[in-house]
Amino acid sequence: MEDPNVVKIEILKEYQDQINKIISKSSQFQSVSDYVNFVLKEVLSANDKFAKLDEDEEALKKRLEDLGYI
């Protein structure tokens, strides 16, 4: 039975080959899927952090405007 929380994606064979080289030297990853999920999690987490920084910057600008500094 397939896991409903898992979807299949396609990647270029070139990337698969590169990832296979990485995971053959690593005990952290057991498969290409493990590696891809790890990388996606890291990228999405960084994106969330940048979005939060943008929101904080906008809030700070608004606060400074409200105080008459801008």
Foldseek 3Di string as FASTA:
>chain_A
DDDPVDDDDDDDVVVQVVVVVVVVPDPQDDHPVRVVVVVVVVVVVVVVVVVVVVVVVVVVVVVCVVVPND
